[in-house]
Amino acid sequence: MSSVNRVILLGNIGKPPELKHGQSGVASCRFSLATSDRWVDQDGQKHVKTEWHQVVAFRKQAENVAKYCGKGSKVYVEGRLTTRSWEDQQGQKRYSADVIADVVKFLSAAQEENPGLEPRTRSSRQPEVPAQMGDQDLGNVPF
């Protein structure tokens, strides 16, 4: 039986993404992503719990994240979870779980970090819908 390693996140970028280029010239962009759960307990108290995720994108996707996203940008991320370890300056072994992004969709741009970006707006153009649709048109429906 095969296994599945899939992560889906929808949240806000916590600080400006960091773009780097490796020795081979491949772009990588690391950013932190906040996801929050909100609930009300039995006493009516509101609670918020925020989780922070480290996300890494590569190549053209990395360049686009660095160019169009900033602190506060809302993004959708699909990817896989990976772990890494290293020794810090005191010789302590440290671990981190990162999400390697396969897909990053920009849901909003952070205007305060990227003032040159134009805000995304919905088109005011209405979709074209036929005035009447007969049974003969149902043959073109793809399902």
C-alpha atoms as a PDB file:
ATOM      1  CA  MET A   1       0.000   0.000   0.000  1.00  0.00           C
ATOM      2  CA  SER A   2       1.329   3.466  -0.844  1.00  0.00           C
ATOM      3  CA  SER A   3       1.337   6.409   1.528  1.00  0.00           C
ATOM      4  CA  VAL A   4       0.230  10.044   1.354  1.00  0.00           C
ATOM      5  CA  ASN A   5       2.146  13.130   2.461  1.00  0.00           C
ATOM      6  CA  ARG A   6      -0.100  16.092   1.640  1.00  0.00           C
ATOM      7  CA  VAL A   7      -0.529  19.434   3.384  1.00  0.00           C
ATOM      8  CA  ILE A   8      -3.166  22.061   2.576  1.00  0.00           C
ATOM      9  CA  LEU A   9      -2.963  25.439   4.299  1.00  0.00           C
ATOM     10  CA  LEU A  10      -4.892  28.692   3.991  1.00  0.00           C
ATOM     11  CA  GLY A  11      -3.498  31.562   6.003  1.00  0.00           C
ATOM     12  CA  ASN A  12      -1.592  34.825   6.195  1.00  0.00           C
ATOM     13  CA  ILE A  13       2.121  35.382   5.672  1.00  0.00           C
ATOM     14  CA  GLY A  14       3.740  36.473   8.939  1.00  0.00           C
ATOM     15  CA  LYS A  15       6.780  38.397   7.690  1.00  0.00           C
ATOM     16  CA  PRO A  16       8.207  39.340   4.282  1.00  0.00           C
ATOM     17  CA  PRO A  17       9.231  36.235   2.291  1.00  0.00           C
ATOM     18  CA  GLU A  18      12.996  35.606   1.995  1.00  0.00           C
ATOM     19  CA  LEU A  19      14.201  34.891  -1.554  1.00  0.00           C
ATOM     20  CA  LYS A  20      17.570  33.171  -2.047  1.00  0.00           C
ATOM     21  CA  HIS A  21      19.383  31.595  -4.963  1.00  0.00           C
ATOM     22  CA  GLY A  22      21.400  28.417  -4.420  1.00  0.00           C
ATOM     23  CA  GLN A  23      24.794  27.646  -5.927  1.00  0.00           C
ATOM     24  CA  SER A  24      23.070  26.085  -8.920  1.00  0.00           C
ATOM     25  CA  GLY A  25      21.007  29.254  -9.397  1.00  0.00           C
ATOM     26  CA  VAL A  26      17.701  27.697  -8.288  1.00  0.00           C
ATOM     27  CA  ALA A  27      15.506  30.233  -6.483  1.00  0.00           C
ATOM     28  CA  SER A  28      14.011  29.329  -3.116  1.00  0.00           C
ATOM     29  CA  CYS A  29      11.663  31.423  -1.027  1.00  0.00           C
ATOM     30  CA  ARG A  30      10.999  30.759   2.650  1.00  0.00           C
ATOM     31  CA  PHE A  31       8.059  32.298   4.481  1.00  0.00           C
ATOM     32  CA  SER A  32       6.059  31.733   7.645  1.00  0.00           C
ATOM     33  CA  LEU A  33       2.336  31.168   7.373  1.00  0.00           C
ATOM     34  CA  ALA A  34      -0.173  31.646  10.198  1.00  0.00           C
ATOM     35  CA  THR A  35      -3.356  29.592  10.414  1.00  0.00           C
ATOM     36  CA  SER A  36      -5.873  30.239  13.180  1.00  0.00           C
ATOM     37  CA  ASP A  37      -8.664  28.299  14.852  1.00  0.00           C
ATOM     38  CA  ARG A  38     -11.432  30.270  16.528  1.00  0.00           C
ATOM     39  CA  TRP A  39     -14.011  28.908  18.952  1.00  0.00           C
ATOM     40  CA  VAL A  40     -16.297  29.864  21.789  1.00  0.00           C
ATOM     41  CA  ASP A  41     -16.152  27.761  24.968  1.00  0.00           C
ATOM     42  CA  GLN A  42     -19.061  26.739  27.216  1.00  0.00           C
ATOM     43  CA  ASP A  43     -18.721  29.997  29.199  1.00  0.00           C
ATOM     44  CA  GLY A  44     -19.081  32.118  26.058  1.00  0.00           C
ATOM     45  CA  GLN A  45     -15.392  33.091  26.021  1.00  0.00           C
ATOM     46  CA  LYS A  46     -13.901  33.551  22.561  1.00  0.00           C
ATOM     47  CA  HIS A  47     -10.577  31.844  21.889  1.00  0.00           C
ATOM     48  CA  VAL A  48      -8.070  32.004  19.052  1.00  0.00           C
ATOM     49  CA  LYS A  49      -5.196  29.572  18.578  1.00  0.00           C
ATOM     50  CA  THR A  50      -2.634  30.405  15.909  1.00  0.00           C
ATOM     51  CA  GLU A  51      -0.256  27.842  14.436  1.00  0.00           C
ATOM     52  CA  TRP A  52       2.852  28.911  12.519  1.00  0.00           C
ATOM     53  CA  HIS A  53       4.059  26.900   9.528  1.00  0.00           C
ATOM     54  CA  GLN A  54       7.365  27.265   7.669  1.00  0.00           C
ATOM     55  CA  VAL A  55       6.826  27.072   3.901  1.00  0.00           C
ATOM     56  CA  VAL A  56       9.438  26.812   1.136  1.00  0.00           C
ATOM     57  CA  ALA A  57       8.719  27.397  -2.557  1.00  0.00           C
ATOM     58  CA  PHE A  58      11.193  26.867  -5.411  1.00  0.00           C
ATOM     59  CA  ARG A  59      12.028  28.186  -8.885  1.00  0.00           C
ATOM     60  CA  LYS A  60       9.547  30.535 -10.608  1.00  0.00           C
ATOM     61  CA  GLN A  61       6.980  30.036  -7.863  1.00  0.00           C
ATOM     62  CA  ALA A  62       9.554  31.254  -5.310  1.00  0.00           C
ATOM     63  CA  GLU A  63      10.257  34.369  -7.367  1.00  0.00           C
ATOM     64  CA  ASN A  64       6.532  35.111  -7.691  1.00  0.00           C
ATOM     65  CA  VAL A  65       5.919  34.728  -3.952  1.00  0.00           C
ATOM     66  CA  ALA A  66       8.800  37.108  -3.188  1.00  0.00           C
ATOM     67  CA  LYS A  67       7.599  39.588  -5.806  1.00  0.00           C
ATOM     68  CA  TYR A  68       3.857  39.648  -5.145  1.00  0.00           C
ATOM     69  CA  CYS A  69       3.421  38.661  -1.481  1.00  0.00           C
ATOM     70  CA  GLY A  70       4.365  40.373   1.732  1.00  0.00           C
ATOM     71  CA  LYS A  71       3.503  40.401   5.393  1.00  0.00           C
ATOM     72  CA  GLY A  72      -0.233  39.898   5.764  1.00  0.00           C
ATOM     73  CA  SER A  73      -0.851  38.414   2.302  1.00  0.00           C
ATOM     74  CA  LYS A  74      -3.450  35.660   2.312  1.00  0.00           C
ATOM     75  CA  VAL A  75      -2.279  32.554   0.430  1.00  0.00           C
ATOM     76  CA  TYR A  76      -3.400  29.004  -0.259  1.00  0.00           C
ATOM     77  CA  VAL A  77      -0.599  26.427  -0.110  1.00  0.00           C
ATOM     78  CA  GLU A  78      -0.537  22.779  -1.164  1.00  0.00           C
ATOM     79  CA  GLY A  79       2.554  20.726  -0.610  1.00  0.00           C
ATOM     80  CA  ARG A  80       4.282  18.013   1.372  1.00  0.00           C
ATOM     81  CA  LEU A  81       5.704  17.932   4.877  1.00  0.00           C
ATOM     82  CA  THR A  82       9.426  17.411   5.368  1.00  0.00           C
ATOM     83  CA  THR A  83      11.658  17.561   8.433  1.00  0.00           C
ATOM     84  CA  ARG A  84      15.223  18.775   8.769  1.00  0.00           C
ATOM     85  CA  SER A  85      17.743  18.900  11.578  1.00  0.00           C
ATOM     86  CA  TRP A  86      20.877  20.915  12.357  1.00  0.00           C
ATOM     87  CA  GLU A  87      23.131  21.805  15.244  1.00  0.00           C
ATOM     88  CA  ASP A  88      22.899  25.305  16.685  1.00  0.00           C
ATOM     89  CA  GLN A  89      25.855  27.379  17.931  1.00  0.00           C
ATOM     90  CA  GLN A  90      25.741  25.696  21.344  1.00  0.00           C
ATOM     91  CA  GLY A  91      25.889  22.220  19.766  1.00  0.00           C
ATOM     92  CA  GLN A  92      22.228  21.475  20.467  1.00  0.00           C
ATOM     93  CA  LYS A  93      20.406  19.383  17.851  1.00  0.00           C
ATOM     94  CA  ARG A  94      17.434  21.341  16.447  1.00  0.00           C
ATOM     95  CA  TYR A  95      14.548  20.133  14.304  1.00  0.00           C
ATOM     96  CA  SER A  96      12.088  21.840  12.010  1.00  0.00           C
ATOM     97  CA  ALA A  97       9.089  20.686  10.006  1.00  0.00           C
ATOM     98  CA  ASP A  98       8.730  22.540   6.693  1.00  0.00           C
ATOM     99  CA  VAL A  99       6.061  22.484   4.015  1.00  0.00           C
ATOM    100  CA  ILE A 100       7.573  22.153   0.533  1.00  0.00           C
ATOM    101  CA  ALA A 101       5.040  24.009  -1.608  1.00  0.00           C
ATOM    102  CA  ASP A 102       3.856  22.480  -4.853  1.00  0.00           C
ATOM    103  CA  VAL A 103       1.132  25.122  -5.276  1.00  0.00           C
ATOM    104  CA  VAL A 104       0.911  28.666  -3.902  1.00  0.00           C
ATOM    105  CA  LYS A 105      -2.173  30.679  -4.868  1.00  0.00           C
ATOM    106  CA  PHE A 106      -2.285  34.371  -4.035  1.00  0.00           C
ATOM    107  CA  LEU A 107      -5.620  35.316  -2.507  1.00  0.00           C
ATOM    108  CA  SER A 108      -4.631  38.854  -1.564  1.00  0.00           C
ATOM    109  CA  ALA A 109      -1.598  41.096  -1.829  1.00  0.00           C
ATOM    110  CA  ALA A 110      -0.295  42.943   1.224  1.00  0.00           C
ATOM    111  CA  GLN A 111      -0.504  46.587   0.192  1.00  0.00           C
ATOM    112  CA  GLU A 112       1.544  47.856   3.148  1.00  0.00           C
ATOM    113  CA  GLU A 113       4.539  45.718   2.129  1.00  0.00           C
ATOM    114  CA  ASN A 114       4.108  46.114  -1.641  1.00  0.00           C
ATOM    115  CA  PRO A 115       2.590  49.566  -2.225  1.00  0.00           C
ATOM    116  CA  GLY A 116       3.139  49.302  -5.996  1.00  0.00           C
ATOM    117  CA  LEU A 117       0.747  46.369  -6.314  1.00  0.00           C
ATOM    118  CA  GLU A 118      -2.722  47.049  -7.581  1.00  0.00           C
ATOM    119  CA  PRO A 119      -5.457  45.524  -5.426  1.00  0.00           C
ATOM    120  CA  ARG A 120      -7.264  42.619  -7.048  1.00  0.00           C
ATOM    121  CA  THR A 121     -10.884  43.347  -7.819  1.00  0.00           C
ATOM    122  CA  ARG A 122     -13.646  41.246  -9.236  1.00  0.00           C
ATOM    123  CA  SER A 123     -14.651  41.902 -12.792  1.00  0.00           C
ATOM    124  CA  SER A 124     -17.785  43.976 -13.148  1.00  0.00           C
ATOM    125  CA  ARG A 125     -18.581  42.139 -16.379  1.00  0.00           C
ATOM    126  CA  GLN A 126     -21.488  39.714 -16.014  1.00  0.00           C
ATOM    127  CA  PRO A 127     -21.059  36.202 -17.426  1.00  0.00           C
ATOM    128  CA  GLU A 128     -22.883  35.551 -20.658  1.00  0.00           C
ATOM    129  CA  VAL A 129     -25.851  33.268 -20.054  1.00  0.00           C
ATOM    130  CA  PRO A 130     -28.260  32.281 -22.826  1.00  0.00           C
ATOM    131  CA  ALA A 131     -31.756  33.726 -22.430  1.00  0.00           C
ATOM    132  CA  GLN A 132     -33.320  30.289 -22.823  1.00  0.00           C
ATOM    133  CA  MET A 133     -31.781  26.892 -22.651  1.00  0.00           C
ATOM    134  CA  GLY A 134     -33.620  23.968 -24.170  1.00  0.00           C
ATOM    135  CA  ASP A 135     -33.157  20.237 -23.672  1.00  0.00           C
ATOM    136  CA  GLN A 136     -31.059  20.063 -26.834  1.00  0.00           C
ATOM    137  CA  ASP A 137     -28.394  22.198 -25.116  1.00  0.00           C
ATOM    138  CA  LEU A 138     -27.901  19.646 -22.330  1.00  0.00           C
ATOM    139  CA  GLY A 139     -25.796  17.493 -24.636  1.00  0.00           C
ATOM    140  CA  ASN A 140     -22.963  20.010 -24.268  1.00  0.00           C
ATOM    141  CA  VAL A 141     -22.820  19.796 -20.459  1.00  0.00           C
ATOM    142  CA  PRO A 142     -19.523  18.075 -19.529  1.00  0.00           C
ATOM    143  CA  PHE A 143     -20.975  15.837 -16.784  1.00  0.00           C
END
